[in-house]
N, C-alpha and C. Protein backbone atom coordinates (compact mmCIF):
# COMPACT_ATOMS: atom_id res chain seq x y z
N MET A 1 3.13 18.94 -9.50
CA MET A 1 4.19 18.25 -8.95
C MET A 1 4.24 16.82 -9.47
N THR A 2 5.34 16.22 -9.40
CA THR A 2 5.85 15.24 -10.21
C THR A 2 5.29 13.99 -9.28
N ASP A 3 4.82 12.90 -9.81
CA ASP A 3 4.91 11.61 -9.11
C ASP A 3 6.24 11.56 -7.93
N ALA A 4 7.74 11.39 -8.61
CA ALA A 4 8.78 11.65 -7.82
C ALA A 4 8.59 12.33 -6.53
N GLU A 5 8.21 13.81 -6.88
CA GLU A 5 7.96 14.92 -5.61
C GLU A 5 7.10 14.38 -4.70
N ARG A 6 5.94 13.69 -5.35
CA ARG A 6 5.08 13.32 -4.03
C ARG A 6 5.52 12.06 -3.43
N ILE A 7 6.16 11.16 -4.12
CA ILE A 7 6.64 10.14 -3.17
C ILE A 7 7.71 10.83 -2.09
N ALA A 8 8.46 11.39 -2.79
CA ALA A 8 9.49 12.06 -1.67
C ALA A 8 8.91 12.82 -0.57
N GLU A 9 7.89 13.64 -0.69
CA GLU A 9 7.40 14.66 0.21
C GLU A 9 6.30 13.52 1.23
N LEU A 10 5.41 12.72 0.61
CA LEU A 10 4.74 11.85 1.17
C LEU A 10 5.37 10.95 1.70
N GLY A 11 6.62 10.46 1.60
CA GLY A 11 7.37 9.39 2.34
C GLY A 11 7.76 10.07 3.56
N THR A 12 8.08 11.46 4.02
CA THR A 12 8.38 11.96 5.15
C THR A 12 7.08 12.06 6.09
N CYS A 13 5.90 11.64 5.42
CA CYS A 13 4.71 11.80 6.52
C CYS A 13 4.61 10.28 7.14
N TYR A 14 4.12 10.44 8.33
CA TYR A 14 3.85 9.07 9.11
C TYR A 14 2.32 8.52 8.73
N THR A 15 1.86 7.42 8.58
CA THR A 15 0.59 7.28 8.39
C THR A 15 -0.51 7.53 8.96
N SER A 16 -0.04 7.58 10.02
CA SER A 16 -1.42 8.17 10.99
C SER A 16 -1.51 9.63 10.94
N VAL A 17 -0.63 10.52 10.50
CA VAL A 17 -1.27 11.86 10.07
C VAL A 17 -1.88 11.97 9.07
N VAL A 18 -1.59 11.29 7.97
CA VAL A 18 -2.14 11.54 6.87
C VAL A 18 -3.52 10.76 6.86
N HIS A 19 -3.84 9.63 7.96
CA HIS A 19 -5.16 9.19 8.20
C HIS A 19 -6.04 10.36 8.69
N ASP A 20 -5.21 11.15 9.82
CA ASP A 20 -5.94 12.31 10.19
C ASP A 20 -6.40 13.37 9.52
N VAL A 21 -5.60 13.60 8.37
CA VAL A 21 -5.98 14.57 7.45
C VAL A 21 -7.02 14.21 6.82
N LEU A 22 -7.08 12.92 6.06
CA LEU A 22 -8.10 12.33 5.38
C LEU A 22 -9.43 12.22 6.53
N ARG A 23 -9.50 11.86 7.59
CA ARG A 23 -10.65 11.79 8.91
C ARG A 23 -11.18 13.35 8.40
N ALA A 24 -10.34 14.04 8.65
CA ALA A 24 -10.97 15.96 8.88
C ALA A 24 -11.35 16.07 7.66
N ARG A 25 -11.23 15.59 6.67
CA ARG A 25 -11.94 15.84 5.30
C ARG A 25 -13.06 15.28 5.21
N GLY A 26 -13.26 14.33 6.17
CA GLY A 26 -14.82 13.68 6.09
C GLY A 26 -14.68 12.16 5.42
N LEU A 27 -13.66 11.68 4.95
CA LEU A 27 -13.60 10.64 3.92
C LEU A 27 -13.78 9.61 4.93
N LYS A 28 -14.29 8.42 4.47
CA LYS A 28 -14.50 7.13 5.25
C LYS A 28 -14.31 5.97 4.48
N ASP A 29 -13.99 4.80 4.95
CA ASP A 29 -13.66 3.70 4.34
C ASP A 29 -12.13 3.59 3.64
N PHE A 30 -11.23 4.25 4.37
CA PHE A 30 -10.20 4.57 3.43
C PHE A 30 -8.52 3.92 4.20
N THR A 31 -8.81 3.22 5.32
CA THR A 31 -7.85 2.19 6.02
C THR A 31 -7.77 0.91 5.65
N LEU A 32 -6.67 0.38 5.13
CA LEU A 32 -6.76 -0.93 4.79
C LEU A 32 -6.98 -1.68 6.03
N PRO A 33 -7.69 -3.09 6.00
CA PRO A 33 -7.86 -3.76 7.36
C PRO A 33 -6.34 -4.30 7.58
N PRO A 34 -6.34 -4.49 8.92
CA PRO A 34 -5.39 -5.01 9.41
C PRO A 34 -4.49 -6.11 9.03
N ARG A 35 -5.18 -7.12 8.79
CA ARG A 35 -4.64 -8.36 8.14
C ARG A 35 -3.53 -8.14 7.01
N VAL A 36 -3.97 -6.70 6.17
CA VAL A 36 -2.75 -6.29 5.44
C VAL A 36 -1.73 -5.77 6.04
N ARG A 37 -0.60 -6.57 6.07
CA ARG A 37 0.33 -5.81 6.84
C ARG A 37 1.73 -5.61 6.27
N PRO A 38 3.16 -5.28 6.56
CA PRO A 38 4.20 -5.32 5.75
C PRO A 38 5.11 -6.45 6.20
N LEU A 39 5.70 -6.71 5.16
CA LEU A 39 6.64 -7.84 5.24
C LEU A 39 7.64 -7.08 6.58
N ASN A 40 8.40 -6.01 5.87
CA ASN A 40 9.39 -5.63 6.80
C ASN A 40 8.87 -4.11 7.25
N PRO A 41 8.24 -4.24 8.47
CA PRO A 41 7.54 -3.16 9.24
C PRO A 41 8.58 -1.55 9.20
N GLU A 42 9.68 -1.79 9.04
CA GLU A 42 10.55 -0.90 9.36
C GLU A 42 10.50 0.45 7.90
N GLY A 43 9.78 -0.17 6.99
CA GLY A 43 10.08 0.93 5.79
C GLY A 43 8.58 1.51 5.71
N VAL A 44 8.47 2.10 4.34
CA VAL A 44 7.54 3.12 4.10
C VAL A 44 7.17 2.95 2.52
N LEU A 45 5.78 2.57 2.18
CA LEU A 45 5.64 2.39 0.88
C LEU A 45 4.70 3.52 0.34
N THR A 46 5.04 4.23 -0.52
CA THR A 46 3.68 5.07 -1.05
C THR A 46 3.98 5.31 -2.30
N GLY A 47 3.02 5.51 -3.13
CA GLY A 47 2.90 5.75 -4.66
C GLY A 47 1.50 5.51 -5.10
N PRO A 48 1.17 5.24 -6.59
CA PRO A 48 -0.14 5.37 -6.81
C PRO A 48 -0.18 3.74 -7.17
N ALA A 49 -1.24 3.30 -7.39
CA ALA A 49 -1.70 1.94 -7.54
C ALA A 49 -2.14 1.39 -8.82
N TRP A 50 -1.29 0.28 -9.18
CA TRP A 50 -1.86 -0.19 -10.04
C TRP A 50 -2.25 -1.60 -9.87
N THR A 51 -3.78 -1.83 -10.60
CA THR A 51 -4.52 -2.76 -9.63
C THR A 51 -4.84 -4.09 -10.33
N VAL A 52 -5.03 -5.24 -9.85
CA VAL A 52 -4.96 -6.61 -10.46
C VAL A 52 -5.85 -7.21 -9.79
N ASP A 53 -7.23 -7.96 -10.45
CA ASP A 53 -8.22 -8.60 -10.02
C ASP A 53 -8.05 -10.11 -10.24
N GLY A 54 -7.86 -11.10 -9.69
CA GLY A 54 -8.21 -12.57 -9.91
C GLY A 54 -8.76 -13.60 -9.32
N GLU A 55 -8.85 -14.77 -9.49
CA GLU A 55 -9.58 -15.84 -8.89
C GLU A 55 -9.11 -17.19 -8.93
N LEU A 56 -9.24 -17.83 -7.94
CA LEU A 56 -8.88 -19.45 -8.39
C LEU A 56 -9.37 -19.87 -9.21
N ASP A 57 -8.65 -20.74 -10.02
CA ASP A 57 -9.12 -21.75 -11.28
C ASP A 57 -8.53 -23.03 -11.10
N GLU A 58 -8.81 -24.17 -10.38
CA GLU A 58 -8.33 -24.98 -10.17
C GLU A 58 -8.41 -25.96 -11.68
N SER A 59 -8.99 -25.48 -12.32
CA SER A 59 -8.96 -26.05 -13.80
C SER A 59 -8.08 -25.80 -14.64
N ALA A 60 -7.40 -25.00 -14.37
CA ALA A 60 -6.51 -24.01 -15.64
C ALA A 60 -5.15 -25.07 -15.49
N ASP A 61 -4.48 -25.23 -16.43
CA ASP A 61 -3.34 -25.88 -16.56
C ASP A 61 -2.21 -25.12 -16.04
N ALA A 62 -1.08 -25.65 -15.83
CA ALA A 62 -0.04 -25.09 -15.59
C ALA A 62 0.63 -23.82 -16.33
N HIS A 63 0.75 -24.49 -17.82
CA HIS A 63 0.78 -23.54 -18.68
C HIS A 63 0.30 -21.91 -18.65
N ALA A 64 -1.30 -22.38 -18.97
CA ALA A 64 -2.30 -21.02 -18.89
C ALA A 64 -2.00 -19.98 -17.49
N THR A 65 -1.79 -21.03 -16.36
CA THR A 65 -1.83 -20.00 -15.29
C THR A 65 -0.28 -19.22 -15.13
N LEU A 66 1.04 -19.90 -15.57
CA LEU A 66 2.13 -19.20 -15.89
C LEU A 66 2.06 -18.08 -17.05
N LEU A 67 1.52 -18.50 -17.95
CA LEU A 67 1.26 -17.62 -19.32
C LEU A 67 0.50 -16.32 -18.62
N ALA A 68 -0.54 -16.23 -18.08
CA ALA A 68 -1.32 -15.17 -17.84
C ALA A 68 -0.43 -14.27 -16.61
N TRP A 69 0.25 -15.37 -15.66
CA TRP A 69 1.04 -14.40 -14.48
C TRP A 69 1.97 -13.79 -15.13
N THR A 70 3.06 -14.30 -16.08
CA THR A 70 4.03 -13.46 -17.03
C THR A 70 3.76 -12.35 -17.36
N GLY A 71 2.40 -12.59 -18.17
CA GLY A 71 1.65 -11.42 -18.69
C GLY A 71 1.40 -10.24 -17.45
N LEU A 72 0.83 -10.71 -16.45
CA LEU A 72 1.00 -9.58 -15.49
C LEU A 72 2.26 -8.85 -15.16
N LEU A 73 3.36 -9.54 -15.31
CA LEU A 73 4.47 -8.90 -15.34
C LEU A 73 5.04 -8.04 -16.08
N SER A 74 4.52 -8.55 -17.06
CA SER A 74 4.93 -7.68 -18.57
C SER A 74 4.16 -6.34 -18.43
N LYS A 75 2.92 -6.12 -18.22
CA LYS A 75 2.17 -5.34 -17.98
C LYS A 75 2.31 -4.23 -16.81
N ALA A 76 2.97 -4.69 -15.78
CA ALA A 76 2.85 -3.62 -14.49
C ALA A 76 3.87 -2.67 -14.95
N PRO A 77 3.27 -1.31 -14.66
CA PRO A 77 4.06 -0.20 -14.99
C PRO A 77 4.96 0.46 -13.97
N GLY A 78 6.10 0.61 -14.19
CA GLY A 78 7.20 1.22 -13.42
C GLY A 78 6.64 2.50 -12.42
N GLY A 79 7.02 2.88 -11.43
CA GLY A 79 6.57 3.94 -10.53
C GLY A 79 4.91 3.55 -9.95
N HIS A 80 4.81 2.54 -10.08
CA HIS A 80 3.27 2.03 -9.48
C HIS A 80 3.75 1.35 -8.32
N ILE A 81 2.53 1.03 -7.41
CA ILE A 81 2.30 -0.19 -6.62
C ILE A 81 1.59 -1.27 -6.97
N TRP A 82 2.10 -2.51 -7.41
CA TRP A 82 1.40 -3.69 -8.02
C TRP A 82 0.27 -3.89 -6.40
N THR A 83 -1.06 -3.82 -6.76
CA THR A 83 -2.06 -3.70 -5.70
C THR A 83 -3.14 -4.67 -6.31
N ALA A 84 -3.29 -5.88 -5.48
CA ALA A 84 -4.02 -6.92 -6.14
C ALA A 84 -5.10 -7.35 -4.84
N GLN A 85 -6.18 -7.78 -5.37
CA GLN A 85 -7.32 -8.74 -4.98
C GLN A 85 -7.42 -10.00 -5.59
N PRO A 86 -6.67 -11.02 -4.58
CA PRO A 86 -6.58 -11.90 -5.44
C PRO A 86 -7.89 -13.16 -5.31
N ASN A 87 -8.66 -12.47 -4.15
CA ASN A 87 -9.81 -13.30 -4.16
C ASN A 87 -9.58 -14.92 -3.25
N ASN A 88 -8.59 -14.92 -2.88
CA ASN A 88 -8.44 -16.12 -2.13
C ASN A 88 -7.07 -15.97 -1.09
N GLN A 89 -7.02 -17.37 -0.09
CA GLN A 89 -6.12 -17.31 0.65
C GLN A 89 -5.17 -18.34 0.57
N LEU A 90 -5.48 -18.97 -0.32
CA LEU A 90 -4.80 -20.40 -0.42
C LEU A 90 -3.32 -20.13 -1.06
N VAL A 91 -3.17 -19.48 -2.10
CA VAL A 91 -2.11 -19.32 -2.90
C VAL A 91 -1.16 -17.99 -2.71
N ALA A 92 0.27 -18.01 -2.95
CA ALA A 92 0.92 -16.72 -2.83
C ALA A 92 0.59 -15.83 -4.12
N GLN A 93 0.60 -14.81 -3.77
CA GLN A 93 0.51 -13.59 -4.89
C GLN A 93 1.83 -13.02 -5.24
N MET A 94 2.81 -13.30 -4.68
CA MET A 94 3.95 -12.58 -4.68
C MET A 94 5.37 -13.41 -4.31
N GLY A 95 6.22 -13.86 -4.88
CA GLY A 95 7.58 -14.48 -4.68
C GLY A 95 8.67 -14.26 -5.24
N GLU A 96 9.61 -14.98 -5.23
CA GLU A 96 10.96 -14.36 -5.34
C GLU A 96 11.04 -13.66 -7.03
N LEU A 97 10.95 -15.02 -7.98
CA LEU A 97 11.15 -14.25 -9.03
C LEU A 97 10.42 -12.92 -9.88
N SER A 98 9.29 -13.15 -9.33
CA SER A 98 8.20 -12.03 -9.41
C SER A 98 9.00 -10.65 -9.01
N ALA A 99 8.86 -10.73 -7.74
CA ALA A 99 9.67 -9.60 -6.63
C ALA A 99 11.04 -9.05 -7.88
N GLU A 100 11.62 -9.78 -7.95
CA GLU A 100 12.64 -9.23 -8.93
C GLU A 100 12.46 -8.88 -9.85
N THR A 101 11.56 -9.27 -10.76
CA THR A 101 11.39 -8.88 -11.97
C THR A 101 10.63 -7.63 -11.85
N LEU A 102 9.59 -7.25 -10.92
CA LEU A 102 8.95 -5.81 -10.72
C LEU A 102 9.94 -4.76 -9.93
N HIS A 103 10.91 -5.26 -9.36
CA HIS A 103 11.98 -4.69 -8.73
C HIS A 103 12.54 -4.01 -9.93
N ALA A 104 13.04 -4.71 -10.84
CA ALA A 104 13.89 -4.35 -11.65
C ALA A 104 13.21 -3.15 -12.64
N LYS A 105 11.89 -3.18 -12.86
CA LYS A 105 11.28 -2.52 -13.87
C LYS A 105 10.88 -1.26 -13.24
N GLY A 106 11.16 -1.06 -11.75
CA GLY A 106 10.85 0.29 -11.18
C GLY A 106 9.44 0.12 -10.54
N VAL A 107 8.75 -0.76 -10.51
CA VAL A 107 7.72 -1.20 -9.60
C VAL A 107 7.77 -0.79 -8.17
N LEU A 108 7.33 -0.20 -7.66
CA LEU A 108 7.44 0.60 -5.90
C LEU A 108 7.30 -0.57 -5.02
N GLY A 109 6.65 -1.42 -5.25
CA GLY A 109 6.40 -2.68 -4.16
C GLY A 109 4.89 -3.14 -4.31
N CYS A 110 4.74 -4.06 -3.53
CA CYS A 110 3.18 -4.80 -3.69
C CYS A 110 2.67 -4.93 -2.46
N VAL A 111 1.24 -4.66 -2.74
CA VAL A 111 0.11 -4.75 -1.69
C VAL A 111 -1.14 -5.81 -2.11
N THR A 112 -0.93 -6.93 -1.55
CA THR A 112 -1.90 -7.81 -1.94
C THR A 112 -2.85 -8.40 -0.79
N ASP A 113 -4.02 -8.30 -1.04
CA ASP A 113 -4.91 -8.99 0.25
C ASP A 113 -4.79 -10.69 0.01
N GLY A 114 -3.60 -11.06 0.06
CA GLY A 114 -3.31 -12.65 -0.09
C GLY A 114 -1.84 -12.81 0.36
N ALA A 115 -1.53 -14.10 -0.08
CA ALA A 115 -0.26 -14.26 0.69
C ALA A 115 1.15 -13.96 -0.09
N LEU A 116 2.04 -14.17 0.40
CA LEU A 116 3.48 -13.96 0.04
C LEU A 116 4.35 -15.16 0.26
N ARG A 117 5.36 -15.62 -0.52
CA ARG A 117 6.31 -16.61 -0.25
C ARG A 117 7.75 -15.99 -0.94
N ASP A 118 8.58 -17.24 -0.27
CA ASP A 118 9.92 -16.53 -0.37
C ASP A 118 10.19 -15.21 0.19
N THR A 119 9.88 -15.12 1.47
CA THR A 119 9.80 -13.83 2.28
C THR A 119 11.31 -13.53 2.51
N ASN A 120 12.25 -14.56 2.66
CA ASN A 120 13.41 -14.38 3.38
C ASN A 120 14.21 -13.41 1.63
N PHE A 121 14.00 -13.82 0.64
CA PHE A 121 14.49 -13.53 -0.61
C PHE A 121 13.94 -11.97 -0.65
N ILE A 122 12.59 -11.95 -0.46
CA ILE A 122 12.13 -10.59 -0.68
C ILE A 122 12.80 -9.47 0.43
N LEU A 123 13.00 -10.21 1.23
CA LEU A 123 13.27 -9.22 2.71
C LEU A 123 15.06 -8.52 2.16
N ARG A 124 15.51 -9.45 1.53
CA ARG A 124 16.86 -9.33 1.11
C ARG A 124 16.98 -8.38 0.14
N LEU A 125 16.12 -8.59 -0.91
CA LEU A 125 15.91 -7.55 -2.08
C LEU A 125 15.55 -6.22 -1.60
N GLY A 126 14.79 -6.07 -0.30
CA GLY A 126 14.44 -4.73 0.08
C GLY A 126 13.43 -3.92 -0.57
N TRP A 127 12.72 -5.08 -1.36
CA TRP A 127 11.71 -4.67 -1.96
C TRP A 127 10.17 -4.65 -1.13
N PRO A 128 9.51 -3.56 -0.98
CA PRO A 128 8.39 -3.56 0.02
C PRO A 128 6.96 -4.07 -0.36
N CYS A 129 6.93 -5.16 0.30
CA CYS A 129 5.51 -6.38 0.19
C CYS A 129 4.74 -6.14 1.32
N TRP A 130 3.51 -6.03 1.00
CA TRP A 130 2.49 -6.40 1.89
C TRP A 130 1.39 -7.54 1.53
N GLY A 131 1.25 -8.13 2.68
CA GLY A 131 0.38 -9.20 2.56
C GLY A 131 -0.55 -9.48 3.69
N THR A 132 -1.13 -10.65 3.58
CA THR A 132 -2.02 -10.99 4.90
C THR A 132 -1.25 -12.39 5.64
N HIS A 133 -0.46 -13.09 5.04
CA HIS A 133 0.12 -14.01 5.38
C HIS A 133 1.01 -14.94 4.62
N HIS A 134 1.80 -15.93 5.01
CA HIS A 134 2.78 -16.60 4.27
C HIS A 134 2.51 -18.13 4.06
N THR A 135 2.62 -18.46 2.58
CA THR A 135 2.53 -19.82 2.05
C THR A 135 3.38 -20.21 1.08
N PRO A 136 3.77 -21.65 1.17
CA PRO A 136 4.90 -22.00 -0.18
C PRO A 136 4.05 -22.09 -1.48
N ARG A 137 2.79 -22.28 -0.94
CA ARG A 137 1.88 -22.68 -2.44
C ARG A 137 1.84 -21.52 -3.66
N ASP A 138 1.94 -21.47 -4.67
CA ASP A 138 1.95 -20.75 -5.73
C ASP A 138 0.98 -20.69 -6.85
N VAL A 139 0.86 -19.94 -7.77
CA VAL A 139 -0.36 -19.88 -8.38
C VAL A 139 -0.62 -20.71 -9.61
N VAL A 140 0.47 -21.79 -9.71
CA VAL A 140 0.54 -22.73 -10.83
C VAL A 140 -0.53 -23.83 -10.97
N GLY A 141 -1.26 -23.68 -11.96
CA GLY A 141 -2.40 -24.48 -11.97
C GLY A 141 -3.46 -24.26 -11.06
N MET A 142 -3.66 -23.09 -10.51
CA MET A 142 -4.62 -22.68 -9.30
C MET A 142 -5.12 -21.02 -9.26
N TRP A 143 -4.57 -20.04 -10.10
CA TRP A 143 -5.07 -19.03 -10.00
C TRP A 143 -4.83 -18.07 -11.59
N LEU A 144 -5.79 -17.36 -11.75
CA LEU A 144 -5.82 -16.62 -12.89
C LEU A 144 -6.30 -15.14 -12.78
N PRO A 145 -5.94 -14.48 -13.52
CA PRO A 145 -6.30 -12.79 -13.25
C PRO A 145 -7.71 -12.65 -13.94
N ARG A 146 -8.40 -11.74 -13.64
CA ARG A 146 -9.58 -11.59 -14.54
C ARG A 146 -9.35 -9.85 -15.02
N ALA A 147 -8.84 -9.23 -14.40
CA ALA A 147 -8.72 -7.78 -14.77
C ALA A 147 -7.55 -7.03 -14.48
N THR A 148 -6.89 -5.84 -14.85
CA THR A 148 -6.17 -4.94 -14.38
C THR A 148 -6.74 -3.76 -14.78
N GLY A 149 -6.12 -2.60 -14.03
CA GLY A 149 -6.70 -1.27 -14.30
C GLY A 149 -7.88 -1.09 -13.87
N GLU A 150 -8.66 -1.84 -13.13
CA GLU A 150 -9.98 -1.71 -12.80
C GLU A 150 -10.14 -1.67 -11.15
N GLU A 151 -11.25 -1.05 -10.78
CA GLU A 151 -11.60 -0.82 -9.61
C GLU A 151 -11.35 -2.03 -8.41
N ILE A 152 -10.59 -2.37 -6.97
CA ILE A 152 -10.85 -3.44 -6.54
C ILE A 152 -11.04 -2.78 -5.29
N ARG A 153 -11.66 -4.13 -4.35
CA ARG A 153 -12.05 -3.50 -2.95
C ARG A 153 -11.38 -4.71 -2.17
N ILE A 154 -10.54 -4.14 -1.10
CA ILE A 154 -9.85 -4.68 0.00
C ILE A 154 -10.53 -4.37 1.57
N GLY A 155 -10.87 -5.41 2.19
CA GLY A 155 -11.87 -4.83 3.08
C GLY A 155 -13.04 -3.82 2.84
N GLU A 156 -12.87 -2.35 3.35
CA GLU A 156 -14.10 -1.79 3.23
C GLU A 156 -13.39 -0.73 2.11
N VAL A 157 -12.34 -1.01 1.75
CA VAL A 157 -11.57 0.21 0.76
C VAL A 157 -11.68 -0.09 -0.58
N VAL A 158 -12.23 1.03 -1.39
CA VAL A 158 -12.10 0.73 -2.88
C VAL A 158 -11.16 1.62 -3.41
N ILE A 159 -10.11 0.76 -4.17
CA ILE A 159 -8.88 1.21 -4.73
C ILE A 159 -9.14 1.22 -6.05
N ALA A 160 -8.93 2.52 -6.67
CA ALA A 160 -9.38 2.92 -8.27
C ALA A 160 -7.72 2.97 -9.07
N PRO A 161 -7.64 2.55 -10.00
CA PRO A 161 -6.19 2.37 -10.72
C PRO A 161 -5.85 4.48 -10.58
N GLY A 162 -4.44 4.51 -9.95
CA GLY A 162 -3.89 5.65 -9.68
C GLY A 162 -4.16 6.26 -8.46
N ASP A 163 -5.17 5.67 -7.82
CA ASP A 163 -5.16 6.38 -6.28
C ASP A 163 -3.87 5.91 -5.64
N TRP A 164 -3.52 7.13 -4.42
CA TRP A 164 -2.45 6.63 -3.91
C TRP A 164 -2.59 5.74 -2.63
N LEU A 165 -1.60 4.82 -2.27
CA LEU A 165 -1.54 4.12 -1.02
C LEU A 165 -0.43 4.55 -0.39
N HIS A 166 -0.51 4.75 1.30
CA HIS A 166 0.44 5.21 1.52
C HIS A 166 0.61 4.43 2.97
N GLY A 167 1.84 3.62 3.60
CA GLY A 167 1.82 2.76 4.67
C GLY A 167 2.87 2.97 5.28
N ASP A 168 3.22 2.18 6.50
CA ASP A 168 4.37 2.15 7.34
C ASP A 168 3.90 0.87 8.23
N ARG A 169 4.48 0.92 9.47
CA ARG A 169 4.50 -0.03 10.46
C ARG A 169 2.96 0.02 10.98
N ASP A 170 2.32 1.05 10.92
CA ASP A 170 0.87 1.34 11.57
C ASP A 170 -0.21 0.92 10.64
N GLY A 171 0.19 0.78 9.64
CA GLY A 171 -0.84 0.42 8.51
C GLY A 171 -0.78 1.27 7.44
N MET A 172 -1.69 1.02 6.57
CA MET A 172 -1.92 1.58 5.03
C MET A 172 -3.26 2.35 5.01
N VAL A 173 -3.13 3.50 4.28
CA VAL A 173 -4.17 4.34 3.84
C VAL A 173 -4.27 4.57 2.37
N ARG A 174 -5.43 4.73 1.77
CA ARG A 174 -5.62 5.10 0.40
C ARG A 174 -6.08 6.79 0.35
N ILE A 175 -5.42 7.25 -0.67
CA ILE A 175 -5.47 8.65 -0.80
C ILE A 175 -6.08 8.77 -2.34
N PRO A 176 -7.51 9.26 -2.64
CA PRO A 176 -8.14 9.30 -3.82
C PRO A 176 -7.19 10.19 -4.44
N ALA A 177 -6.76 9.61 -5.74
CA ALA A 177 -5.89 10.29 -6.91
C ALA A 177 -6.28 12.09 -6.95
N GLY A 178 -7.42 12.10 -7.07
CA GLY A 178 -7.91 13.76 -7.14
C GLY A 178 -7.35 14.56 -6.11
N ILE A 179 -7.09 14.17 -4.80
CA ILE A 179 -6.88 15.21 -3.78
C ILE A 179 -5.34 15.19 -3.29
N VAL A 180 -4.44 14.11 -3.95
CA VAL A 180 -3.34 13.82 -3.14
C VAL A 180 -2.45 14.97 -2.89
N ASP A 181 -2.47 16.00 -4.38
CA ASP A 181 -1.63 17.14 -4.07
C ASP A 181 -2.29 18.09 -3.12
N GLU A 182 -3.68 17.84 -2.39
CA GLU A 182 -3.98 18.78 -1.26
C GLU A 182 -3.68 17.96 -0.30
N VAL A 183 -3.89 16.55 0.08
CA VAL A 183 -3.29 15.94 1.15
C VAL A 183 -1.92 16.13 1.68
N ILE A 184 -1.04 16.01 0.57
CA ILE A 184 0.27 16.02 1.27
C ILE A 184 0.70 17.13 1.94
N PRO A 185 0.44 18.64 1.50
CA PRO A 185 1.01 19.63 2.09
C PRO A 185 0.23 19.67 3.56
N GLU A 186 -1.10 19.19 3.43
CA GLU A 186 -1.89 19.21 4.72
C GLU A 186 -1.16 18.00 5.74
N ALA A 187 -0.66 16.94 5.51
CA ALA A 187 -0.23 16.18 6.21
C ALA A 187 1.18 16.86 6.88
N VAL A 188 1.92 17.81 5.96
CA VAL A 188 2.93 18.23 6.54
C VAL A 188 2.77 19.32 7.50
N THR A 189 1.79 20.03 7.12
CA THR A 189 1.50 20.93 8.11
C THR A 189 0.91 20.45 9.55
N ALA A 190 0.43 19.30 9.32
CA ALA A 190 -0.19 18.87 10.58
C ALA A 190 1.08 18.13 11.21
N MET A 191 2.32 17.51 10.71
CA MET A 191 2.96 17.32 11.52
C MET A 191 3.79 18.23 12.17
N THR A 192 4.14 19.55 11.63
CA THR A 192 4.76 20.58 12.06
C THR A 192 3.87 21.05 13.62
N THR A 193 2.52 21.03 13.15
CA THR A 193 1.78 21.37 14.64
C THR A 193 1.82 20.29 15.28
N GLU A 194 1.85 19.33 15.26
CA GLU A 194 1.87 18.08 16.48
C GLU A 194 3.36 18.44 16.97
N SER A 195 4.47 18.73 15.99
CA SER A 195 5.73 19.05 16.63
C SER A 195 5.57 19.94 18.14
N LYS A 196 4.88 21.28 17.44
CA LYS A 196 4.89 22.27 18.64
C LYS A 196 4.09 21.86 19.60
N VAL A 197 3.20 21.01 19.22
CA VAL A 197 2.26 20.45 20.56
C VAL A 197 2.94 19.83 21.40
N ARG A 198 3.98 19.00 20.81
CA ARG A 198 4.86 17.99 21.86
C ARG A 198 5.93 18.72 22.34
N ARG A 199 6.64 19.81 21.89
CA ARG A 199 7.23 20.55 22.57
C ARG A 199 6.65 21.51 23.78
N ALA A 200 5.44 22.08 23.65
CA ALA A 200 4.65 22.58 24.38
C ALA A 200 4.58 21.65 25.86
N ILE A 201 4.31 20.37 25.56
CA ILE A 201 3.70 19.31 26.56
C ILE A 201 5.06 19.43 27.47
N LEU A 202 6.12 18.94 26.45
CA LEU A 202 7.44 18.86 27.16
C LEU A 202 8.13 20.04 27.77
N ASP A 203 7.80 21.16 27.59
CA ASP A 203 8.00 22.06 28.45
C ASP A 203 6.77 22.58 29.50
N GLY A 204 5.78 21.61 29.95
CA GLY A 204 5.32 21.55 30.89
C GLY A 204 3.55 22.36 30.91
N VAL A 205 3.53 22.34 29.48
CA VAL A 205 2.08 23.13 29.41
C VAL A 205 1.22 21.92 29.34
N ASP A 206 0.11 22.18 29.89
CA ASP A 206 -1.08 21.30 30.24
C ASP A 206 -1.53 20.40 29.11
N PRO A 207 -1.85 19.33 28.72
CA PRO A 207 -2.13 18.88 27.36
C PRO A 207 -3.47 19.46 27.20
N GLN A 208 -4.47 19.71 27.88
CA GLN A 208 -5.80 20.27 27.23
C GLN A 208 -5.45 21.59 26.50
N GLU A 209 -4.64 22.19 27.37
CA GLU A 209 -4.49 23.70 27.04
C GLU A 209 -3.64 23.70 25.43
N ALA A 210 -2.80 22.65 25.63
CA ALA A 210 -2.30 22.62 24.12
C ALA A 210 -2.97 22.30 23.01
N TYR A 211 -3.63 21.57 23.28
CA TYR A 211 -4.71 20.91 22.44
C TYR A 211 -5.51 22.29 21.96
N LEU A 212 -6.26 23.12 23.05
CA LEU A 212 -7.09 24.33 22.76
C LEU A 212 -6.08 25.05 21.86
N LYS A 213 -4.71 25.34 22.17
CA LYS A 213 -4.13 26.26 21.40
C LYS A 213 -3.90 26.08 19.93
N TRP A 214 -3.42 24.73 19.86
CA TRP A 214 -3.29 24.35 18.35
C TRP A 214 -4.29 23.44 17.70
N GLY A 215 -5.12 23.13 18.27
CA GLY A 215 -6.08 22.41 17.88
C GLY A 215 -5.72 20.89 17.38
N LYS A 216 -4.89 20.40 17.78
CA LYS A 216 -4.53 19.13 17.51
C LYS A 216 -3.75 18.37 18.71
N PHE A 217 -3.89 17.19 18.64
CA PHE A 217 -3.44 16.02 19.77
C PHE A 217 -3.30 14.79 19.20
C-alpha cells in the first residue's frame, strides 16, 4: 500500500475508531494531549510524521534564527506532517509564510506542541494546523531547532519519524509505522461493525444484546 492509498483509506476513519483499534491491540500512550487541537476542527489530518525538536535561545540573533528556520522549511519533505516539539509556549511555531511554503511543497499539515499565528490566513489557505494556542510572537531572536528526524515527545506520546498521526475534531492519535497497514483495515472493519450495531439499536434491539452479538459498542 502506498502512502497515498493509506491517506485515502485512513482519511475515511474517525479518530475514535482508530483509537479503539490501538487500545484493543494493547498499546498505551498513543493519544496526544487535549491541549493540542486543530485550528479547523472540521478537517481530518493523517499521514507520516516528520519530526522537529527545538528550544528557546534568547541569545541568538535575528539572522541566526531566521536562517535556521528557513533551513527547516527547506528540509521538510512533502507527503509528511510537520510534527514539532518546540519546548516552549512563548513563540509561534507556524505562521503565514511558513504555512504557505510548506503547503506549496506538499507537506500535509502541521502538528506542534506550541503556538500558531496568522491563523486567519492559515484558515483561508485550508492547510491543516494543530497547536496549543495562538500568539503574535514569532521565532525571530527567540528560538532555534536542535534536531530533525529524531524521536520527540508530546505529552506521554513518543513520536518517531515515520510514525503516522491521525486526527479530527475528537483529537489525534499516533500509529506506530510498523503496524499502520494492519490498523487501517481493522479500523475500516470496526466502522462496519459499529454501523451494524447502530442499525440494530435503531431497529429496536436492546443495546446490551447488540453488544453481545457484535462485540462492539
